[in-house]
N, C-alpha and C. Protein backbone atom coordinates (compact mmCIF):
# COMPACT_ATOMS: atom_id res chain seq x y z
N MET A 1 -63.49 -49.62 -36.21
CA MET A 1 -63.20 -50.68 -35.26
C MET A 1 -62.80 -50.03 -33.95
N GLY A 2 -63.27 -50.17 -32.94
CA GLY A 2 -62.84 -49.62 -31.66
C GLY A 2 -62.21 -50.73 -30.86
N GLY A 3 -62.25 -50.53 -29.59
CA GLY A 3 -61.77 -51.57 -28.71
C GLY A 3 -60.38 -51.31 -28.22
N SER A 4 -59.75 -52.35 -27.79
CA SER A 4 -58.43 -52.26 -27.19
C SER A 4 -57.36 -52.17 -28.27
N PRO A 5 -56.27 -51.49 -27.94
CA PRO A 5 -55.17 -51.45 -28.90
C PRO A 5 -54.58 -52.85 -29.07
N PRO A 6 -53.94 -53.10 -30.23
CA PRO A 6 -53.35 -54.42 -30.45
C PRO A 6 -52.38 -54.76 -29.32
N GLY A 7 -52.42 -55.97 -28.88
CA GLY A 7 -51.53 -56.42 -27.83
C GLY A 7 -52.10 -56.24 -26.43
N ALA A 8 -53.18 -55.45 -26.29
CA ALA A 8 -53.74 -55.20 -24.96
C ALA A 8 -54.31 -56.49 -24.38
N SER A 9 -54.97 -57.29 -25.20
CA SER A 9 -55.54 -58.53 -24.67
C SER A 9 -54.44 -59.52 -24.31
N ILE A 10 -53.33 -59.49 -25.01
CA ILE A 10 -52.21 -60.36 -24.69
C ILE A 10 -51.62 -59.94 -23.35
N GLU A 11 -51.49 -58.63 -23.11
CA GLU A 11 -50.98 -58.15 -21.83
C GLU A 11 -51.91 -58.55 -20.69
N ALA A 12 -53.21 -58.46 -20.93
CA ALA A 12 -54.17 -58.85 -19.90
C ALA A 12 -54.05 -60.33 -19.58
N MET A 13 -53.85 -61.16 -20.62
CA MET A 13 -53.69 -62.59 -20.41
C MET A 13 -52.42 -62.88 -19.62
N LYS A 14 -51.33 -62.18 -19.94
CA LYS A 14 -50.08 -62.37 -19.21
C LYS A 14 -50.25 -62.02 -17.74
N GLN A 15 -50.98 -60.92 -17.48
CA GLN A 15 -51.20 -60.50 -16.10
C GLN A 15 -52.02 -61.55 -15.35
N GLN A 16 -53.04 -62.09 -16.01
CA GLN A 16 -53.87 -63.11 -15.38
C GLN A 16 -53.04 -64.36 -15.07
N GLU A 17 -52.14 -64.72 -15.98
CA GLU A 17 -51.29 -65.88 -15.76
C GLU A 17 -50.35 -65.66 -14.59
N ALA A 18 -49.90 -64.43 -14.41
CA ALA A 18 -48.95 -64.12 -13.34
C ALA A 18 -49.62 -64.12 -11.97
N GLU A 19 -50.90 -63.80 -11.92
CA GLU A 19 -51.62 -63.78 -10.65
C GLU A 19 -52.01 -65.20 -10.26
N PRO A 20 -51.70 -65.59 -9.03
CA PRO A 20 -52.08 -66.94 -8.62
C PRO A 20 -53.61 -67.04 -8.49
N LEU A 21 -54.14 -68.10 -9.01
CA LEU A 21 -55.57 -68.33 -8.90
C LEU A 21 -55.84 -69.15 -7.65
N LEU A 22 -56.75 -68.68 -6.84
CA LEU A 22 -57.10 -69.42 -5.64
C LEU A 22 -58.17 -70.45 -5.99
N ARG A 23 -57.88 -71.68 -5.70
CA ARG A 23 -58.80 -72.76 -5.98
C ARG A 23 -59.88 -72.77 -4.91
N ILE A 24 -61.11 -72.86 -5.31
CA ILE A 24 -62.21 -72.95 -4.36
C ILE A 24 -62.27 -74.38 -3.85
N GLU A 25 -62.13 -74.51 -2.56
CA GLU A 25 -62.15 -75.82 -1.93
C GLU A 25 -63.57 -76.13 -1.48
N HIS A 26 -64.04 -77.32 -1.75
CA HIS A 26 -65.37 -77.75 -1.31
C HIS A 26 -65.21 -78.54 -0.01
N LEU A 27 -65.79 -78.00 1.05
CA LEU A 27 -65.66 -78.60 2.37
C LEU A 27 -67.01 -78.72 3.06
N ALA A 28 -67.12 -79.70 3.92
CA ALA A 28 -68.32 -79.85 4.74
C ALA A 28 -68.37 -78.70 5.75
N ARG A 29 -69.55 -78.35 6.17
CA ARG A 29 -69.75 -77.26 7.13
C ARG A 29 -68.88 -77.41 8.39
N PRO A 30 -68.81 -78.59 9.00
CA PRO A 30 -67.96 -78.71 10.20
C PRO A 30 -66.49 -78.40 9.93
N LYS A 31 -66.01 -78.72 8.75
CA LYS A 31 -64.61 -78.45 8.40
C LYS A 31 -64.38 -76.94 8.24
N VAL A 32 -65.34 -76.25 7.66
CA VAL A 32 -65.23 -74.79 7.51
C VAL A 32 -65.24 -74.14 8.90
N ILE A 33 -66.13 -74.60 9.76
CA ILE A 33 -66.19 -74.08 11.13
C ILE A 33 -64.87 -74.34 11.84
N GLU A 34 -64.29 -75.50 11.62
CA GLU A 34 -62.99 -75.83 12.22
C GLU A 34 -61.92 -74.83 11.80
N ARG A 35 -61.91 -74.47 10.54
CA ARG A 35 -60.92 -73.50 10.05
C ARG A 35 -61.13 -72.12 10.67
N ILE A 36 -62.38 -71.71 10.75
CA ILE A 36 -62.69 -70.41 11.35
C ILE A 36 -62.30 -70.43 12.83
N ARG A 37 -62.67 -71.50 13.51
CA ARG A 37 -62.36 -71.67 14.94
C ARG A 37 -60.85 -71.55 15.17
N GLU A 38 -60.08 -72.19 14.33
CA GLU A 38 -58.62 -72.18 14.46
C GLU A 38 -58.08 -70.75 14.38
N LYS A 39 -58.59 -69.97 13.44
CA LYS A 39 -58.14 -68.58 13.28
C LYS A 39 -58.61 -67.73 14.46
N LEU A 40 -59.84 -67.94 14.90
CA LEU A 40 -60.34 -67.17 16.05
C LEU A 40 -59.51 -67.45 17.30
N ARG A 41 -59.15 -68.71 17.49
CA ARG A 41 -58.33 -69.07 18.66
C ARG A 41 -57.00 -68.33 18.67
N MET A 42 -56.45 -68.08 17.51
CA MET A 42 -55.18 -67.36 17.43
C MET A 42 -55.31 -65.91 17.91
N LEU A 43 -56.53 -65.40 17.91
CA LEU A 43 -56.76 -64.01 18.30
C LEU A 43 -57.20 -63.87 19.75
N THR A 44 -57.35 -64.98 20.45
CA THR A 44 -57.79 -64.95 21.84
C THR A 44 -56.61 -65.13 22.78
N ASP A 45 -56.84 -64.81 24.04
CA ASP A 45 -55.82 -65.04 25.07
C ASP A 45 -56.53 -65.33 26.38
N ASP A 46 -55.82 -65.27 27.48
CA ASP A 46 -56.39 -65.62 28.78
C ASP A 46 -57.44 -64.64 29.28
N GLU A 47 -57.57 -63.49 28.62
CA GLU A 47 -58.54 -62.48 29.07
C GLU A 47 -59.53 -62.07 28.00
N HIS A 48 -59.34 -62.54 26.79
CA HIS A 48 -60.19 -62.11 25.67
C HIS A 48 -60.72 -63.32 24.89
N CYS A 49 -62.02 -63.49 24.94
CA CYS A 49 -62.68 -64.59 24.22
C CYS A 49 -62.81 -64.24 22.74
N ALA A 50 -63.35 -65.17 21.97
CA ALA A 50 -63.54 -64.95 20.53
C ALA A 50 -64.46 -63.77 20.26
N CYS A 51 -65.46 -63.55 21.11
CA CYS A 51 -66.37 -62.39 20.93
C CYS A 51 -65.58 -61.09 21.05
N ALA A 52 -64.69 -61.03 22.04
CA ALA A 52 -63.87 -59.83 22.23
C ALA A 52 -62.93 -59.63 21.04
N ALA A 53 -62.34 -60.72 20.56
CA ALA A 53 -61.43 -60.63 19.42
C ALA A 53 -62.17 -60.19 18.16
N ALA A 54 -63.34 -60.78 17.92
CA ALA A 54 -64.13 -60.41 16.74
C ALA A 54 -64.52 -58.94 16.81
N SER A 55 -64.85 -58.48 17.99
CA SER A 55 -65.21 -57.08 18.19
C SER A 55 -64.00 -56.17 17.97
N ARG A 56 -62.90 -56.53 18.55
CA ARG A 56 -61.68 -55.71 18.46
C ARG A 56 -61.19 -55.56 17.02
N PHE A 57 -61.19 -56.67 16.29
CA PHE A 57 -60.65 -56.65 14.93
C PHE A 57 -61.72 -56.42 13.85
N GLY A 58 -62.99 -56.33 14.25
CA GLY A 58 -64.06 -56.08 13.27
C GLY A 58 -64.22 -57.21 12.28
N ILE A 59 -64.11 -58.44 12.77
CA ILE A 59 -64.18 -59.60 11.88
C ILE A 59 -65.34 -60.51 12.25
N PHE A 60 -65.59 -61.44 11.38
CA PHE A 60 -66.57 -62.50 11.59
C PHE A 60 -67.92 -61.93 11.96
N CYS A 61 -68.42 -62.19 13.15
CA CYS A 61 -69.75 -61.73 13.56
C CYS A 61 -69.72 -60.34 14.18
N GLN A 62 -68.55 -59.78 14.34
CA GLN A 62 -68.32 -58.49 14.98
C GLN A 62 -68.37 -58.57 16.51
N GLY A 63 -68.57 -59.78 17.05
CA GLY A 63 -68.54 -59.98 18.49
C GLY A 63 -69.45 -59.04 19.26
N PHE A 64 -68.94 -58.48 20.34
CA PHE A 64 -69.72 -57.58 21.18
C PHE A 64 -70.12 -56.31 20.44
N ARG A 65 -69.36 -55.93 19.44
CA ARG A 65 -69.55 -54.67 18.72
C ARG A 65 -70.95 -54.56 18.10
N HIS A 66 -71.52 -55.68 17.70
CA HIS A 66 -72.82 -55.60 17.02
C HIS A 66 -73.99 -55.36 17.97
N LEU A 67 -73.72 -55.37 19.28
CA LEU A 67 -74.77 -55.13 20.27
C LEU A 67 -74.72 -53.69 20.76
N SER A 68 -75.88 -53.03 20.81
CA SER A 68 -75.94 -51.70 21.41
C SER A 68 -75.63 -51.84 22.90
N ASP A 69 -75.32 -50.75 23.56
CA ASP A 69 -75.07 -50.79 25.00
C ASP A 69 -76.26 -51.38 25.74
N GLU A 70 -77.44 -50.94 25.36
CA GLU A 70 -78.67 -51.43 26.02
C GLU A 70 -78.84 -52.94 25.83
N GLU A 71 -78.65 -53.41 24.61
CA GLU A 71 -78.78 -54.85 24.33
C GLU A 71 -77.69 -55.65 25.03
N PHE A 72 -76.48 -55.13 25.05
CA PHE A 72 -75.38 -55.81 25.72
C PHE A 72 -75.69 -55.98 27.20
N ARG A 73 -76.14 -54.90 27.83
CA ARG A 73 -76.48 -54.96 29.26
C ARG A 73 -77.68 -55.88 29.51
N ARG A 74 -78.60 -55.94 28.58
CA ARG A 74 -79.76 -56.82 28.74
C ARG A 74 -79.35 -58.29 28.65
N ARG A 75 -78.51 -58.60 27.66
CA ARG A 75 -78.10 -60.00 27.48
C ARG A 75 -77.24 -60.51 28.63
N PHE A 76 -76.51 -59.62 29.25
CA PHE A 76 -75.66 -60.00 30.38
C PHE A 76 -76.11 -59.28 31.64
N ASP A 77 -77.41 -59.29 31.85
CA ASP A 77 -78.04 -58.56 32.95
C ASP A 77 -77.47 -58.96 34.31
N TRP A 78 -77.25 -60.25 34.54
CA TRP A 78 -76.75 -60.71 35.83
C TRP A 78 -75.35 -60.19 36.14
N ILE A 79 -74.62 -59.77 35.11
CA ILE A 79 -73.30 -59.17 35.32
C ILE A 79 -73.45 -57.65 35.44
N ALA A 80 -74.18 -57.05 34.51
CA ALA A 80 -74.34 -55.60 34.48
C ALA A 80 -75.13 -55.06 35.68
N ARG A 81 -76.12 -55.80 36.13
CA ARG A 81 -76.97 -55.36 37.24
C ARG A 81 -76.16 -55.12 38.51
N LYS A 82 -75.17 -55.95 38.74
CA LYS A 82 -74.35 -55.84 39.95
C LYS A 82 -73.29 -54.74 39.83
N ARG A 83 -73.15 -54.18 38.63
CA ARG A 83 -72.15 -53.14 38.39
C ARG A 83 -72.78 -52.01 37.57
N PRO A 84 -73.74 -51.30 38.14
CA PRO A 84 -74.46 -50.28 37.38
C PRO A 84 -73.58 -49.14 36.87
N GLY A 85 -72.47 -48.87 37.53
CA GLY A 85 -71.58 -47.79 37.11
C GLY A 85 -70.46 -48.23 36.19
N ALA A 86 -70.42 -49.51 35.87
CA ALA A 86 -69.33 -50.03 35.02
C ALA A 86 -69.45 -49.52 33.60
N SER A 87 -68.30 -49.23 33.02
CA SER A 87 -68.28 -48.80 31.61
C SER A 87 -68.52 -50.01 30.70
N ARG A 88 -68.80 -49.74 29.47
CA ARG A 88 -69.00 -50.81 28.48
C ARG A 88 -67.73 -51.67 28.40
N GLY A 89 -66.58 -51.04 28.38
CA GLY A 89 -65.32 -51.77 28.30
C GLY A 89 -65.10 -52.69 29.49
N GLU A 90 -65.44 -52.20 30.68
CA GLU A 90 -65.31 -53.02 31.88
C GLU A 90 -66.24 -54.23 31.82
N LEU A 91 -67.47 -53.98 31.37
CA LEU A 91 -68.43 -55.09 31.26
C LEU A 91 -67.99 -56.09 30.20
N GLU A 92 -67.48 -55.61 29.10
CA GLU A 92 -67.00 -56.53 28.06
C GLU A 92 -65.87 -57.40 28.60
N GLY A 93 -64.99 -56.81 29.41
CA GLY A 93 -63.92 -57.58 30.02
C GLY A 93 -64.45 -58.68 30.92
N LEU A 94 -65.46 -58.36 31.72
CA LEU A 94 -66.06 -59.36 32.61
C LEU A 94 -66.79 -60.44 31.83
N VAL A 95 -67.51 -60.03 30.79
CA VAL A 95 -68.24 -61.00 29.97
C VAL A 95 -67.25 -61.91 29.24
N SER A 96 -66.15 -61.35 28.79
CA SER A 96 -65.14 -62.15 28.12
C SER A 96 -64.60 -63.22 29.07
N LEU A 97 -64.31 -62.82 30.30
CA LEU A 97 -63.84 -63.79 31.29
C LEU A 97 -64.91 -64.85 31.59
N TYR A 98 -66.16 -64.42 31.63
CA TYR A 98 -67.28 -65.35 31.82
C TYR A 98 -67.31 -66.37 30.69
N HIS A 99 -67.19 -65.88 29.45
CA HIS A 99 -67.17 -66.78 28.29
C HIS A 99 -66.01 -67.76 28.37
N LEU A 100 -64.84 -67.25 28.71
CA LEU A 100 -63.66 -68.12 28.80
C LEU A 100 -63.84 -69.19 29.87
N GLY A 101 -64.48 -68.83 30.98
CA GLY A 101 -64.75 -69.82 32.03
C GLY A 101 -65.71 -70.89 31.55
N ARG A 102 -66.77 -70.48 30.87
CA ARG A 102 -67.73 -71.45 30.32
C ARG A 102 -67.05 -72.35 29.30
N GLN A 103 -66.19 -71.76 28.51
CA GLN A 103 -65.44 -72.49 27.49
C GLN A 103 -64.58 -73.58 28.16
N GLU A 104 -63.89 -73.20 29.22
CA GLU A 104 -63.01 -74.14 29.91
C GLU A 104 -63.82 -75.27 30.54
N VAL A 105 -64.91 -74.93 31.20
CA VAL A 105 -65.74 -75.95 31.84
C VAL A 105 -66.30 -76.93 30.81
N ALA A 106 -66.70 -76.40 29.66
CA ALA A 106 -67.30 -77.22 28.60
C ALA A 106 -66.24 -77.97 27.79
N GLY A 107 -64.98 -77.60 27.93
CA GLY A 107 -63.94 -78.22 27.12
C GLY A 107 -64.02 -77.77 25.68
N ALA A 108 -64.55 -76.57 25.46
CA ALA A 108 -64.71 -76.04 24.11
C ALA A 108 -63.48 -75.23 23.70
N GLN A 109 -63.31 -75.07 22.40
CA GLN A 109 -62.15 -74.33 21.90
C GLN A 109 -62.39 -72.83 21.87
N VAL A 110 -63.60 -72.43 21.52
CA VAL A 110 -63.98 -71.01 21.51
C VAL A 110 -65.39 -70.87 22.05
N CYS A 111 -65.73 -69.66 22.45
CA CYS A 111 -67.06 -69.45 23.04
C CYS A 111 -68.18 -69.69 22.03
N CYS A 112 -67.90 -69.60 20.75
CA CYS A 112 -68.91 -69.89 19.73
C CYS A 112 -69.44 -71.32 19.89
N ASP A 113 -68.54 -72.23 20.28
CA ASP A 113 -68.93 -73.63 20.49
C ASP A 113 -69.93 -73.75 21.65
N VAL A 114 -69.66 -73.03 22.73
CA VAL A 114 -70.54 -73.06 23.90
C VAL A 114 -71.87 -72.41 23.56
N GLU A 115 -71.82 -71.26 22.89
CA GLU A 115 -73.05 -70.55 22.54
C GLU A 115 -73.95 -71.37 21.62
N THR A 116 -73.36 -72.21 20.79
CA THR A 116 -74.16 -73.07 19.91
C THR A 116 -75.08 -73.97 20.73
N ARG A 117 -74.61 -74.39 21.90
CA ARG A 117 -75.41 -75.26 22.77
C ARG A 117 -76.25 -74.49 23.78
N GLU A 118 -75.70 -73.40 24.33
CA GLU A 118 -76.36 -72.74 25.46
C GLU A 118 -77.15 -71.48 25.11
N HIS A 119 -76.84 -70.82 24.03
CA HIS A 119 -77.59 -69.64 23.54
C HIS A 119 -77.73 -68.53 24.57
N CYS A 120 -76.66 -68.21 25.26
CA CYS A 120 -76.68 -67.14 26.26
C CYS A 120 -76.57 -65.77 25.59
N ALA A 121 -75.52 -65.56 24.84
CA ALA A 121 -75.29 -64.27 24.19
C ALA A 121 -75.75 -64.27 22.74
N CYS A 122 -75.66 -65.43 22.11
CA CYS A 122 -76.03 -65.55 20.70
C CYS A 122 -76.35 -67.02 20.42
N ASP A 123 -76.45 -67.37 19.16
CA ASP A 123 -76.72 -68.76 18.81
C ASP A 123 -75.47 -69.48 18.30
N GLY A 124 -74.31 -68.90 18.57
CA GLY A 124 -73.07 -69.54 18.16
C GLY A 124 -73.02 -69.79 16.66
N TRP A 125 -72.52 -70.94 16.29
CA TRP A 125 -72.36 -71.28 14.87
C TRP A 125 -73.71 -71.36 14.16
N ASN A 126 -74.78 -71.61 14.89
CA ASN A 126 -76.11 -71.73 14.28
C ASN A 126 -76.62 -70.43 13.68
N MET A 127 -76.05 -69.31 14.06
CA MET A 127 -76.54 -68.05 13.52
C MET A 127 -75.99 -67.74 12.13
N PHE A 128 -75.15 -68.62 11.60
CA PHE A 128 -74.55 -68.40 10.29
C PHE A 128 -75.03 -69.44 9.29
N ASP A 129 -75.55 -68.95 8.17
CA ASP A 129 -75.87 -69.88 7.09
C ASP A 129 -74.56 -70.21 6.36
N ASN A 130 -74.63 -71.12 5.43
CA ASN A 130 -73.41 -71.56 4.73
C ASN A 130 -72.69 -70.42 4.00
N PRO A 131 -73.41 -69.55 3.26
CA PRO A 131 -72.70 -68.45 2.60
C PRO A 131 -71.97 -67.53 3.59
N ALA A 132 -72.54 -67.31 4.77
CA ALA A 132 -71.88 -66.47 5.78
C ALA A 132 -70.61 -67.14 6.30
N LEU A 133 -70.65 -68.44 6.48
CA LEU A 133 -69.46 -69.18 6.91
C LEU A 133 -68.39 -69.17 5.82
N GLU A 134 -68.80 -69.32 4.58
CA GLU A 134 -67.86 -69.26 3.46
C GLU A 134 -67.16 -67.90 3.42
N LYS A 135 -67.93 -66.84 3.59
CA LYS A 135 -67.38 -65.48 3.60
C LYS A 135 -66.41 -65.30 4.76
N ALA A 136 -66.80 -65.77 5.94
CA ALA A 136 -65.93 -65.64 7.12
C ALA A 136 -64.64 -66.42 6.93
N CYS A 137 -64.72 -67.59 6.35
CA CYS A 137 -63.53 -68.40 6.12
C CYS A 137 -62.58 -67.68 5.16
N LEU A 138 -63.12 -67.10 4.12
CA LEU A 138 -62.29 -66.34 3.17
C LEU A 138 -61.65 -65.14 3.88
N GLU A 139 -62.46 -64.44 4.67
CA GLU A 139 -61.99 -63.25 5.39
C GLU A 139 -60.85 -63.60 6.36
N LEU A 140 -60.99 -64.71 7.06
CA LEU A 140 -60.02 -65.06 8.09
C LEU A 140 -58.83 -65.87 7.60
N THR A 141 -59.02 -66.65 6.55
CA THR A 141 -57.94 -67.52 6.09
C THR A 141 -57.37 -67.13 4.73
N GLY A 142 -58.13 -66.35 3.98
CA GLY A 142 -57.70 -66.00 2.62
C GLY A 142 -57.98 -67.10 1.61
N GLN A 143 -58.60 -68.17 2.04
CA GLN A 143 -58.89 -69.31 1.17
C GLN A 143 -60.39 -69.38 0.86
N PRO A 144 -60.76 -69.31 -0.41
CA PRO A 144 -62.19 -69.45 -0.74
C PRO A 144 -62.65 -70.90 -0.59
N VAL A 145 -63.82 -71.06 0.03
CA VAL A 145 -64.39 -72.39 0.21
C VAL A 145 -65.86 -72.36 -0.17
N ARG A 146 -66.38 -73.52 -0.47
CA ARG A 146 -67.82 -73.69 -0.71
C ARG A 146 -68.28 -74.87 0.12
N ILE A 147 -69.44 -74.68 0.72
CA ILE A 147 -70.06 -75.76 1.50
C ILE A 147 -71.14 -76.35 0.61
N PRO A 148 -70.99 -77.62 0.24
CA PRO A 148 -71.98 -78.22 -0.68
C PRO A 148 -73.34 -78.42 -0.01
């Protein structure tokens, strides 16, 4: 007979009972986006949009970080063209301010909301399928969710 020593399965059961089980919450896509948006807003300030925060903390879509220097300059050509000697960090700062201005004009909470409509830097919330949003929600809130 092999296997676990007597009492090992009882110890495993006790450990499982002691660990809190996270209930998977079933939410509509807009509600999951709302939760992600709320967490992203906590990471932004008057000079750093959600893209900058996602890039800085390596979360969600990775923000500016997922773009090569060449692609970043191409997507924001009208900003980069006027500042050919600007560093990547300087350009990211200007683009972040640009996003925050668009956000304010649109009355949006985060730049992802604006990008969903305008598609300047990305496709906003549209670039995420439901499993990606579920993963992001877990990553940012610690709460597992499922979008039916």
